[in-house]
Amino acid sequence: MTKVIDLWIDIGAANRDEAAARVRIGDPGVLDSRVEEYPNGRIVSRSLDNRIGAFVAAEAMRRLATARPKHAAVFSVASTREEIAWTGSGARTSAVGIEPDVAVVVDVTHATDYPGADKKHVGDHKLGGGVVLSRGSSVSSVVFDLLAECAEQAKIPYTIQAAPRDTGTDADAIYNAMRGIPTGLVSVPNRYMHSPNEMVALEDLDRAADLLAAFARPARAGNRLHTALAKKTGPRRTARGPELVRSASRYGFNICPKSILTVQDPKGLSWIGNEYPSPPQPVPLNGTVW
């Protein structure tokens, strides 16, 4: 493999001065390619890692918009710089700013259904085989179990990927933000990652969006999720003043594409151990939320 220091980009300049007039040191460069549709519902493009995560988060929001959860407000935030600083990038600042209680990160993972793929290292994940749920030190066991439960109830196929140390995603920037945020990770299988010709299956994108929407709906993530997290993590005080008392406790789903999806739950103060004697009044959802 050619080393980076041995690569160059020929822009057709006749001399150094002409080159300096066109570009400066530090200018970014990418391989020019476009989205191509392939047979069997697959697409090929550069940078599907992780623009496709933003698409999945947007699709999840679209599904929720047609049947908005009455128990929660949902936010989605697309962040940046994960590839170069996932432990302190846009996901970290978004998590601190929104201060959610639960996060679900959306990313891609290596598909291993092509010749030469390392299944021993990554696992057996196929295009069209459904979403991939991560388990490991950065992932809350409660959130993982609930994601798996939602997938099984919705008949969404999934595989499991072990991440014993870190995940290499924005989950690593969110789970230890603030006082700690219970975090899950949903990934889409991606062939030829970090190349100009990444490939994903459209049906996996739909399944990921369906799973995120199911996780955020009251039937899937209401009392069941409150109870599970309360038992697992214990009391957690989040309200810091009248504004948060009025707007309810922070109960957040972060759907990071690199993105964050936050849910505010007006019933949460009773189980997170807030000392205010009466529950806050729900805040109506408005256009800025969605």
C-alpha atoms as a PDB file:
ATOM      1  CA  MET A   1       0.000   0.000   0.000  1.00  0.00           C
ATOM      2  CA  THR A   2       1.291   3.450  -0.925  1.00  0.00           C
ATOM      3  CA  LYS A   3       2.126   5.667   2.039  1.00  0.00           C
ATOM      4  CA  VAL A   4       0.415   9.043   2.356  1.00  0.00           C
ATOM      5  CA  ILE A   5       3.750  10.870   2.092  1.00  0.00           C
ATOM      6  CA  ASP A   6       4.289   9.256  -1.315  1.00  0.00           C
ATOM      7  CA  LEU A   7       0.973  10.479  -2.772  1.00  0.00           C
ATOM      8  CA  TRP A   8       0.411  13.676  -4.719  1.00  0.00           C
ATOM      9  CA  ILE A   9      -2.444  15.399  -6.566  1.00  0.00           C
ATOM     10  CA  ASP A  10      -1.687  16.731 -10.033  1.00  0.00           C
ATOM     11  CA  ILE A  11      -3.823  19.854 -10.653  1.00  0.00           C
ATOM     12  CA  GLY A  12      -2.201  20.652 -13.997  1.00  0.00           C
ATOM     13  CA  ALA A  13      -0.198  23.649 -12.762  1.00  0.00           C
ATOM     14  CA  ALA A  14       2.844  24.615 -14.842  1.00  0.00           C
ATOM     15  CA  ASN A  15       4.903  25.782 -11.861  1.00  0.00           C
ATOM     16  CA  ARG A  16       4.868  26.362  -8.105  1.00  0.00           C
ATOM     17  CA  ASP A  17       3.462  29.898  -8.342  1.00  0.00           C
ATOM     18  CA  GLU A  18       0.527  28.761 -10.462  1.00  0.00           C
ATOM     19  CA  ALA A  19      -0.169  25.903  -8.042  1.00  0.00           C
ATOM     20  CA  ALA A  20      -0.018  28.304  -5.064  1.00  0.00           C
ATOM     21  CA  ALA A  21      -2.557  30.554  -6.799  1.00  0.00           C
ATOM     22  CA  ARG A  22      -5.023  27.669  -6.978  1.00  0.00           C
ATOM     23  CA  VAL A  23      -4.573  25.874  -3.647  1.00  0.00           C
ATOM     24  CA  ARG A  24      -3.089  26.463  -0.213  1.00  0.00           C
ATOM     25  CA  ILE A  25      -1.422  24.123   2.237  1.00  0.00           C
ATOM     26  CA  GLY A  26      -4.121  22.441   4.284  1.00  0.00           C
ATOM     27  CA  ASP A  27      -6.888  22.591   1.661  1.00  0.00           C
ATOM     28  CA  PRO A  28      -9.032  19.439   1.841  1.00  0.00           C
ATOM     29  CA  GLY A  29      -9.336  17.111  -1.117  1.00  0.00           C
ATOM     30  CA  VAL A  30     -11.690  14.234  -1.866  1.00  0.00           C
ATOM     31  CA  LEU A  31     -12.141  11.734  -4.650  1.00  0.00           C
ATOM     32  CA  ASP A  32     -14.978  12.901  -6.883  1.00  0.00           C
ATOM     33  CA  SER A  33     -17.718  10.310  -7.183  1.00  0.00           C
ATOM     34  CA  ARG A  34     -21.491  10.164  -7.183  1.00  0.00           C
ATOM     35  CA  VAL A  35     -24.141   7.812  -5.855  1.00  0.00           C
ATOM     36  CA  GLU A  36     -24.672   4.804  -8.095  1.00  0.00           C
ATOM     37  CA  GLU A  37     -27.639   2.448  -7.857  1.00  0.00           C
ATOM     38  CA  TYR A  38     -26.745  -1.236  -8.047  1.00  0.00           C
ATOM     39  CA  PRO A  39     -28.896  -4.360  -8.379  1.00  0.00           C
ATOM     40  CA  ASN A  40     -30.700  -5.888  -5.408  1.00  0.00           C
ATOM     41  CA  GLY A  41     -31.427  -2.542  -3.770  1.00  0.00           C
ATOM     42  CA  ARG A  42     -27.853  -1.456  -3.142  1.00  0.00           C
ATOM     43  CA  ILE A  43     -26.118   1.877  -3.558  1.00  0.00           C
ATOM     44  CA  VAL A  44     -22.445   2.739  -3.966  1.00  0.00           C
ATOM     45  CA  SER A  45     -20.819   6.075  -3.107  1.00  0.00           C
ATOM     46  CA  ARG A  46     -17.981   7.661  -1.233  1.00  0.00           C
ATOM     47  CA  SER A  47     -18.538   8.839   2.334  1.00  0.00           C
ATOM     48  CA  LEU A  48     -21.478   6.605   3.107  1.00  0.00           C
ATOM     49  CA  ASP A  49     -19.538   6.431   6.364  1.00  0.00           C
ATOM     50  CA  ASN A  50     -21.205   8.236   7.795  1.00  0.00           C
ATOM     51  CA  ARG A  51     -23.534  10.426   5.796  1.00  0.00           C
ATOM     52  CA  ILE A  52     -25.837   7.436   5.659  1.00  0.00           C
ATOM     53  CA  GLY A  53     -26.234   7.672   9.433  1.00  0.00           C
ATOM     54  CA  ALA A  54     -27.653  11.168   9.078  1.00  0.00           C
ATOM     55  CA  PHE A  55     -30.110   9.802   6.521  1.00  0.00           C
ATOM     56  CA  VAL A  56     -31.202   7.039   8.889  1.00  0.00           C
ATOM     57  CA  ALA A  57     -31.724   9.518  11.733  1.00  0.00           C
ATOM     58  CA  ALA A  58     -33.778  11.775   9.450  1.00  0.00           C
ATOM     59  CA  GLU A  59     -35.876   8.809   8.338  1.00  0.00           C
ATOM     60  CA  ALA A  60     -36.494   7.862  11.962  1.00  0.00           C
ATOM     61  CA  MET A  61     -37.664  11.412  12.655  1.00  0.00           C
ATOM     62  CA  ARG A  62     -39.964  11.277   9.625  1.00  0.00           C
ATOM     63  CA  ARG A  63     -41.541   8.106  10.935  1.00  0.00           C
ATOM     64  CA  LEU A  64     -42.034   9.641  14.372  1.00  0.00           C
ATOM     65  CA  ALA A  65     -43.481  12.833  12.872  1.00  0.00           C
ATOM     66  CA  THR A  66     -46.444  10.878  11.489  1.00  0.00           C
ATOM     67  CA  ALA A  67     -47.206   9.478  14.951  1.00  0.00           C
ATOM     68  CA  ARG A  68     -45.494  11.745  17.442  1.00  0.00           C
ATOM     69  CA  PRO A  69     -44.793  10.267  20.865  1.00  0.00           C
ATOM     70  CA  LYS A  70     -47.019  12.069  23.348  1.00  0.00           C
ATOM     71  CA  HIS A  71     -44.715  11.197  26.231  1.00  0.00           C
ATOM     72  CA  ALA A  72     -41.603  12.794  24.785  1.00  0.00           C
ATOM     73  CA  ALA A  73     -39.986  15.344  22.527  1.00  0.00           C
ATOM     74  CA  VAL A  74     -37.449  13.965  20.089  1.00  0.00           C
ATOM     75  CA  PHE A  75     -34.378  15.744  18.728  1.00  0.00           C
ATOM     76  CA  SER A  76     -31.857  14.678  16.111  1.00  0.00           C
ATOM     77  CA  VAL A  77     -28.444  16.327  15.817  1.00  0.00           C
ATOM     78  CA  ALA A  78     -25.900  15.576  13.091  1.00  0.00           C
ATOM     79  CA  SER A  79     -22.365  16.098  14.379  1.00  0.00           C
ATOM     80  CA  THR A  80     -18.937  16.368  12.772  1.00  0.00           C
ATOM     81  CA  ARG A  81     -15.301  15.299  13.197  1.00  0.00           C
ATOM     82  CA  GLU A  82     -15.976  11.759  14.376  1.00  0.00           C
ATOM     83  CA  GLU A  83     -13.361  10.310  12.041  1.00  0.00           C
ATOM     84  CA  ILE A  84     -10.570  12.372  13.570  1.00  0.00           C
ATOM     85  CA  ALA A  85     -11.686  12.966  17.158  1.00  0.00           C
ATOM     86  CA  TRP A  86     -14.586  10.725  18.169  1.00  0.00           C
ATOM     87  CA  THR A  87     -13.783  11.083  21.864  1.00  0.00           C
ATOM     88  CA  GLY A  88     -14.265  14.843  21.906  1.00  0.00           C
ATOM     89  CA  SER A  89     -15.908  15.979  18.708  1.00  0.00           C
ATOM     90  CA  GLY A  90     -19.288  17.427  17.776  1.00  0.00           C
ATOM     91  CA  ALA A  91     -21.070  14.537  19.447  1.00  0.00           C
ATOM     92  CA  ARG A  92     -19.530  15.447  22.810  1.00  0.00           C
ATOM     93  CA  THR A  93     -20.547  19.109  22.574  1.00  0.00           C
ATOM     94  CA  SER A  94     -24.047  18.130  21.460  1.00  0.00           C
ATOM     95  CA  ALA A  95     -24.398  15.666  24.312  1.00  0.00           C
ATOM     96  CA  VAL A  96     -23.283  18.272  26.838  1.00  0.00           C
ATOM     97  CA  GLY A  97     -25.591  20.895  25.338  1.00  0.00           C
ATOM     98  CA  ILE A  98     -28.684  18.684  25.232  1.00  0.00           C
ATOM     99  CA  GLU A  99     -27.811  16.621  28.309  1.00  0.00           C
ATOM    100  CA  PRO A 100     -29.866  13.549  27.399  1.00  0.00           C
ATOM    101  CA  ASP A 101     -30.425  10.589  29.665  1.00  0.00           C
ATOM    102  CA  VAL A 102     -30.178   7.993  26.905  1.00  0.00           C
ATOM    103  CA  ALA A 103     -28.293   8.012  23.619  1.00  0.00           C
ATOM    104  CA  VAL A 104     -28.488   5.852  20.523  1.00  0.00           C
ATOM    105  CA  VAL A 105     -25.693   6.385  18.025  1.00  0.00           C
ATOM    106  CA  VAL A 106     -26.141   5.550  14.338  1.00  0.00           C
ATOM    107  CA  ASP A 107     -23.107   4.563  12.294  1.00  0.00           C
ATOM    108  CA  VAL A 108     -21.880   1.957   9.832  1.00  0.00           C
ATOM    109  CA  THR A 109     -19.812  -1.132  10.498  1.00  0.00           C
ATOM    110  CA  HIS A 110     -17.746  -3.395   8.269  1.00  0.00           C
ATOM    111  CA  ALA A 111     -19.775  -5.882   6.259  1.00  0.00           C
ATOM    112  CA  THR A 112     -17.933  -9.188   6.044  1.00  0.00           C
ATOM    113  CA  ASP A 113     -19.715 -10.905   3.144  1.00  0.00           C
ATOM    114  CA  TYR A 114     -17.032 -10.410   0.504  1.00  0.00           C
ATOM    115  CA  PRO A 115     -13.831 -12.316  -0.297  1.00  0.00           C
ATOM    116  CA  GLY A 116     -11.034 -11.722   2.178  1.00  0.00           C
ATOM    117  CA  ALA A 117     -13.204 -10.152   4.890  1.00  0.00           C
ATOM    118  CA  ASP A 118     -12.020 -10.772   8.450  1.00  0.00           C
ATOM    119  CA  LYS A 119     -15.006 -12.360  10.171  1.00  0.00           C
ATOM    120  CA  LYS A 120     -12.898 -13.427  13.140  1.00  0.00           C
ATOM    121  CA  HIS A 121     -12.115  -9.811  13.954  1.00  0.00           C
ATOM    122  CA  VAL A 122     -15.370  -8.048  13.076  1.00  0.00           C
ATOM    123  CA  GLY A 123     -18.041 -10.744  13.055  1.00  0.00           C
ATOM    124  CA  ASP A 124     -20.432 -12.067  10.416  1.00  0.00           C
ATOM    125  CA  HIS A 125     -22.426  -9.115   9.072  1.00  0.00           C
ATOM    126  CA  LYS A 126     -24.050  -9.174   5.634  1.00  0.00           C
ATOM    127  CA  LEU A 127     -25.562  -6.557   3.366  1.00  0.00           C
ATOM    128  CA  GLY A 128     -29.315  -7.019   3.611  1.00  0.00           C
ATOM    129  CA  GLY A 129     -28.885  -8.968   6.849  1.00  0.00           C
ATOM    130  CA  GLY A 130     -30.335  -6.251   9.067  1.00  0.00           C
ATOM    131  CA  VAL A 131     -28.869  -3.863  11.611  1.00  0.00           C
ATOM    132  CA  VAL A 132     -25.875  -4.501  13.842  1.00  0.00           C
ATOM    133  CA  LEU A 133     -26.144  -3.889  17.600  1.00  0.00           C
ATOM    134  CA  SER A 134     -22.923  -3.339  19.528  1.00  0.00           C
ATOM    135  CA  ARG A 135     -22.126  -4.661  23.002  1.00  0.00           C
ATOM    136  CA  GLY A 136     -19.162  -3.485  25.018  1.00  0.00           C
ATOM    137  CA  SER A 137     -17.788  -1.068  27.572  1.00  0.00           C
ATOM    138  CA  SER A 138     -19.170   2.023  25.839  1.00  0.00           C
ATOM    139  CA  VAL A 139     -22.655   0.563  25.442  1.00  0.00           C
ATOM    140  CA  SER A 140     -25.257   0.431  28.193  1.00  0.00           C
ATOM    141  CA  SER A 141     -26.484  -3.128  28.704  1.00  0.00           C
ATOM    142  CA  VAL A 142     -29.975  -1.779  29.402  1.00  0.00           C
ATOM    143  CA  VAL A 143     -30.118   0.199  26.164  1.00  0.00           C
ATOM    144  CA  PHE A 144     -28.732  -2.772  24.223  1.00  0.00           C
ATOM    145  CA  ASP A 145     -31.355  -5.111  25.673  1.00  0.00           C
ATOM    146  CA  LEU A 146     -34.144  -2.675  24.854  1.00  0.00           C
ATOM    147  CA  LEU A 147     -32.913  -2.180  21.290  1.00  0.00           C
ATOM    148  CA  ALA A 148     -32.782  -5.951  20.846  1.00  0.00           C
ATOM    149  CA  GLU A 149     -36.248  -6.271  22.343  1.00  0.00           C
ATOM    150  CA  CYS A 150     -37.623  -3.618  19.978  1.00  0.00           C
ATOM    151  CA  ALA A 151     -35.979  -5.334  17.009  1.00  0.00           C
ATOM    152  CA  GLU A 152     -37.468  -8.698  17.944  1.00  0.00           C
ATOM    153  CA  GLN A 153     -40.939  -7.250  18.472  1.00  0.00           C
ATOM    154  CA  ALA A 154     -40.787  -5.469  15.107  1.00  0.00           C
ATOM    155  CA  LYS A 155     -39.264  -8.554  13.424  1.00  0.00           C
ATOM    156  CA  ILE A 156     -36.185  -6.591  12.394  1.00  0.00           C
ATOM    157  CA  PRO A 157     -33.211  -8.912  11.804  1.00  0.00           C
ATOM    158  CA  TYR A 158     -30.019  -8.007  13.619  1.00  0.00           C
ATOM    159  CA  THR A 159     -26.570  -9.302  14.438  1.00  0.00           C
ATOM    160  CA  ILE A 160     -24.380  -8.480  17.433  1.00  0.00           C
ATOM    161  CA  GLN A 161     -20.895  -7.006  17.346  1.00  0.00           C
ATOM    162  CA  ALA A 162     -18.527  -7.142  20.304  1.00  0.00           C
ATOM    163  CA  ALA A 163     -16.775  -3.877  21.186  1.00  0.00           C
ATOM    164  CA  PRO A 164     -14.835  -4.694  24.368  1.00  0.00           C
ATOM    165  CA  ARG A 165     -12.740  -1.531  24.418  1.00  0.00           C
ATOM    166  CA  ASP A 166     -14.125   1.293  22.270  1.00  0.00           C
ATOM    167  CA  THR A 167     -16.486   1.404  19.303  1.00  0.00           C
ATOM    168  CA  GLY A 168     -14.686   3.906  17.066  1.00  0.00           C
ATOM    169  CA  THR A 169     -17.946   5.873  16.861  1.00  0.00           C
ATOM    170  CA  ASP A 170     -19.572   8.836  18.558  1.00  0.00           C
ATOM    171  CA  ALA A 171     -20.755   6.472  21.281  1.00  0.00           C
ATOM    172  CA  ASP A 172     -17.280   6.852  22.772  1.00  0.00           C
ATOM    173  CA  ALA A 173     -17.784  10.606  23.049  1.00  0.00           C
ATOM    174  CA  ILE A 174     -21.261  10.401  24.571  1.00  0.00           C
ATOM    175  CA  TYR A 175     -21.320   7.566  27.094  1.00  0.00           C
ATOM    176  CA  ASN A 176     -18.867   9.323  29.454  1.00  0.00           C
ATOM    177  CA  ALA A 177     -20.060  12.902  28.876  1.00  0.00           C
ATOM    178  CA  MET A 178     -21.440  14.872  31.804  1.00  0.00           C
ATOM    179  CA  ARG A 179     -22.154  12.415  34.633  1.00  0.00           C
ATOM    180  CA  GLY A 180     -22.400   9.553  32.143  1.00  0.00           C
ATOM    181  CA  ILE A 181     -25.105   8.899  29.545  1.00  0.00           C
ATOM    182  CA  PRO A 182     -26.504   5.398  28.913  1.00  0.00           C
ATOM    183  CA  THR A 183     -25.697   4.836  25.246  1.00  0.00           C
ATOM    184  CA  GLY A 184     -26.553   2.331  22.524  1.00  0.00           C
ATOM    185  CA  LEU A 185     -25.099   1.831  19.060  1.00  0.00           C
ATOM    186  CA  VAL A 186     -27.005   0.814  15.928  1.00  0.00           C
ATOM    187  CA  SER A 187     -24.909   0.204  12.806  1.00  0.00           C
ATOM    188  CA  VAL A 188     -25.552  -0.510   9.135  1.00  0.00           C
ATOM    189  CA  PRO A 189     -23.326  -3.073   7.357  1.00  0.00           C
ATOM    190  CA  ASN A 190     -21.048  -1.305   4.870  1.00  0.00           C
ATOM    191  CA  ARG A 191     -18.790  -2.968   2.297  1.00  0.00           C
ATOM    192  CA  TYR A 192     -15.417  -1.457   1.363  1.00  0.00           C
ATOM    193  CA  MET A 193     -15.491   1.156   4.132  1.00  0.00           C
ATOM    194  CA  HIS A 194     -13.124   4.131   3.814  1.00  0.00           C
ATOM    195  CA  SER A 195     -12.896   3.697   0.053  1.00  0.00           C
ATOM    196  CA  PRO A 196     -14.479   5.802  -2.732  1.00  0.00           C
ATOM    197  CA  ASN A 197     -16.869   2.904  -3.426  1.00  0.00           C
ATOM    198  CA  GLU A 198     -18.645   2.055  -0.202  1.00  0.00           C
ATOM    199  CA  MET A 199     -21.776  -0.093  -0.562  1.00  0.00           C
ATOM    200  CA  VAL A 200     -24.887  -0.456   1.625  1.00  0.00           C
ATOM    201  CA  ALA A 201     -28.280  -2.111   1.212  1.00  0.00           C
ATOM    202  CA  LEU A 202     -31.327   0.160   1.201  1.00  0.00           C
ATOM    203  CA  GLU A 203     -33.379  -2.356   3.167  1.00  0.00           C
ATOM    204  CA  ASP A 204     -30.884  -2.122   6.036  1.00  0.00           C
ATOM    205  CA  LEU A 205     -31.360   1.654   6.111  1.00  0.00           C
ATOM    206  CA  ASP A 206     -35.127   1.222   6.411  1.00  0.00           C
ATOM    207  CA  ARG A 207     -34.700  -1.346   9.153  1.00  0.00           C
ATOM    208  CA  ALA A 208     -32.392   0.936  11.130  1.00  0.00           C
ATOM    209  CA  ALA A 209     -34.857   3.840  10.881  1.00  0.00           C
ATOM    210  CA  ASP A 210     -37.728   1.558  11.898  1.00  0.00           C
ATOM    211  CA  LEU A 211     -35.790   0.364  14.931  1.00  0.00           C
ATOM    212  CA  LEU A 212     -34.949   3.874  16.106  1.00  0.00           C
ATOM    213  CA  ALA A 213     -38.567   4.970  15.734  1.00  0.00           C
ATOM    214  CA  ALA A 214     -39.794   1.894  17.608  1.00  0.00           C
ATOM    215  CA  PHE A 215     -37.332   2.583  20.403  1.00  0.00           C
ATOM    216  CA  ALA A 216     -38.642   6.143  20.821  1.00  0.00           C
ATOM    217  CA  ARG A 217     -42.357   5.331  20.801  1.00  0.00           C
ATOM    218  CA  PRO A 218     -44.249   5.043  24.107  1.00  0.00           C
ATOM    219  CA  ALA A 219     -45.154   1.404  23.560  1.00  0.00           C
ATOM    220  CA  ARG A 220     -41.480   0.531  23.267  1.00  0.00           C
ATOM    221  CA  ALA A 221     -39.632   3.136  25.283  1.00  0.00           C
ATOM    222  CA  GLY A 222     -42.077   4.579  27.788  1.00  0.00           C
ATOM    223  CA  ASN A 223     -42.624   2.977  31.161  1.00  0.00           C
ATOM    224  CA  ARG A 224     -40.574  -0.073  30.170  1.00  0.00           C
ATOM    225  CA  LEU A 225     -37.502   2.032  29.493  1.00  0.00           C
ATOM    226  CA  HIS A 226     -38.036   4.231  32.560  1.00  0.00           C
ATOM    227  CA  THR A 227     -38.261   1.221  34.826  1.00  0.00           C
ATOM    228  CA  ALA A 228     -35.276  -0.553  33.327  1.00  0.00           C
ATOM    229  CA  LEU A 229     -32.999   2.460  33.530  1.00  0.00           C
ATOM    230  CA  ALA A 230     -34.181   3.392  37.013  1.00  0.00           C
ATOM    231  CA  LYS A 231     -33.398  -0.100  38.304  1.00  0.00           C
ATOM    232  CA  LYS A 232     -30.077  -0.245  36.517  1.00  0.00           C
ATOM    233  CA  THR A 233     -28.693   3.219  37.125  1.00  0.00           C
ATOM    234  CA  GLY A 234     -30.587   4.412  40.178  1.00  0.00           C
ATOM    235  CA  PRO A 235     -31.654   7.986  40.940  1.00  0.00           C
ATOM    236  CA  ARG A 236     -30.230  10.687  38.737  1.00  0.00           C
ATOM    237  CA  ARG A 237     -30.942  14.335  39.323  1.00  0.00           C
ATOM    238  CA  THR A 238     -31.118  16.352  36.138  1.00  0.00           C
ATOM    239  CA  ALA A 239     -33.361  19.326  36.786  1.00  0.00           C
ATOM    240  CA  ARG A 240     -31.246  22.390  37.553  1.00  0.00           C
ATOM    241  CA  GLY A 241     -33.787  25.178  37.740  1.00  0.00           C
ATOM    242  CA  PRO A 242     -37.300  26.404  36.907  1.00  0.00           C
ATOM    243  CA  GLU A 243     -36.749  26.021  33.159  1.00  0.00           C
ATOM    244  CA  LEU A 244     -36.089  22.305  33.403  1.00  0.00           C
ATOM    245  CA  VAL A 245     -38.862  21.868  35.931  1.00  0.00           C
ATOM    246  CA  ARG A 246     -41.282  23.446  33.470  1.00  0.00           C
ATOM    247  CA  SER A 247     -39.932  21.552  30.491  1.00  0.00           C
ATOM    248  CA  ALA A 248     -39.809  18.210  32.329  1.00  0.00           C
ATOM    249  CA  SER A 249     -36.943  15.983  33.166  1.00  0.00           C
ATOM    250  CA  ARG A 250     -34.359  15.134  30.572  1.00  0.00           C
ATOM    251  CA  TYR A 251     -35.157  11.749  29.119  1.00  0.00           C
ATOM    252  CA  GLY A 252     -33.111  11.504  25.956  1.00  0.00           C
ATOM    253  CA  PHE A 253     -32.642   9.268  23.017  1.00  0.00           C
ATOM    254  CA  ASN A 254     -29.638  10.326  21.025  1.00  0.00           C
ATOM    255  CA  ILE A 255     -29.759   9.066  17.518  1.00  0.00           C
ATOM    256  CA  CYS A 256     -26.367  10.172  16.380  1.00  0.00           C
ATOM    257  CA  PRO A 257     -25.550   9.551  12.812  1.00  0.00           C
ATOM    258  CA  LYS A 258     -23.106  11.032  14.274  1.00  0.00           C
ATOM    259  CA  SER A 259     -26.278  12.474  15.676  1.00  0.00           C
ATOM    260  CA  ILE A 260     -28.245  12.979  18.839  1.00  0.00           C
ATOM    261  CA  LEU A 261     -31.889  12.297  19.358  1.00  0.00           C
ATOM    262  CA  THR A 262     -33.246  13.571  22.666  1.00  0.00           C
ATOM    263  CA  VAL A 263     -36.524  12.828  24.356  1.00  0.00           C
ATOM    264  CA  GLN A 264     -37.919  14.939  27.166  1.00  0.00           C
ATOM    265  CA  ASP A 265     -40.274  13.029  29.410  1.00  0.00           C
ATOM    266  CA  PRO A 266     -42.747  14.983  31.593  1.00  0.00           C
ATOM    267  CA  LYS A 267     -43.187  11.959  33.866  1.00  0.00           C
ATOM    268  CA  GLY A 268     -39.562  11.277  34.526  1.00  0.00           C
ATOM    269  CA  LEU A 269     -38.952  13.269  37.696  1.00  0.00           C
ATOM    270  CA  SER A 270     -40.650  10.670  39.842  1.00  0.00           C
ATOM    271  CA  TRP A 271     -38.099   7.980  39.037  1.00  0.00           C
ATOM    272  CA  ILE A 272     -34.887   9.900  38.518  1.00  0.00           C
ATOM    273  CA  GLY A 273     -34.909  11.097  42.105  1.00  0.00           C
ATOM    274  CA  ASN A 274     -35.588  14.786  41.643  1.00  0.00           C
ATOM    275  CA  GLU A 275     -36.526  16.484  44.870  1.00  0.00           C
ATOM    276  CA  TYR A 276     -39.244  18.725  43.436  1.00  0.00           C
ATOM    277  CA  PRO A 277     -42.530  17.726  45.080  1.00  0.00           C
ATOM    278  CA  SER A 278     -44.810  17.975  42.053  1.00  0.00           C
ATOM    279  CA  PRO A 279     -44.288  16.890  38.431  1.00  0.00           C
ATOM    280  CA  PRO A 280     -43.797  19.628  35.820  1.00  0.00           C
ATOM    281  CA  GLN A 281     -46.337  20.518  33.177  1.00  0.00           C
ATOM    282  CA  PRO A 282     -45.666  19.004  29.754  1.00  0.00           C
ATOM    283  CA  VAL A 283     -44.323  21.369  27.145  1.00  0.00           C
ATOM    284  CA  PRO A 284     -46.146  21.204  23.775  1.00  0.00           C
ATOM    285  CA  LEU A 285     -44.035  20.100  20.850  1.00  0.00           C
ATOM    286  CA  ASN A 286     -43.415  22.729  18.236  1.00  0.00           C
ATOM    287  CA  GLY A 287     -41.773  23.074  14.864  1.00  0.00           C
ATOM    288  CA  THR A 288     -38.343  23.712  16.347  1.00  0.00           C
ATOM    289  CA  VAL A 289     -38.375  20.290  17.956  1.00  0.00           C
ATOM    290  CA  TRP A 290     -39.006  18.389  14.777  1.00  0.00           C
END
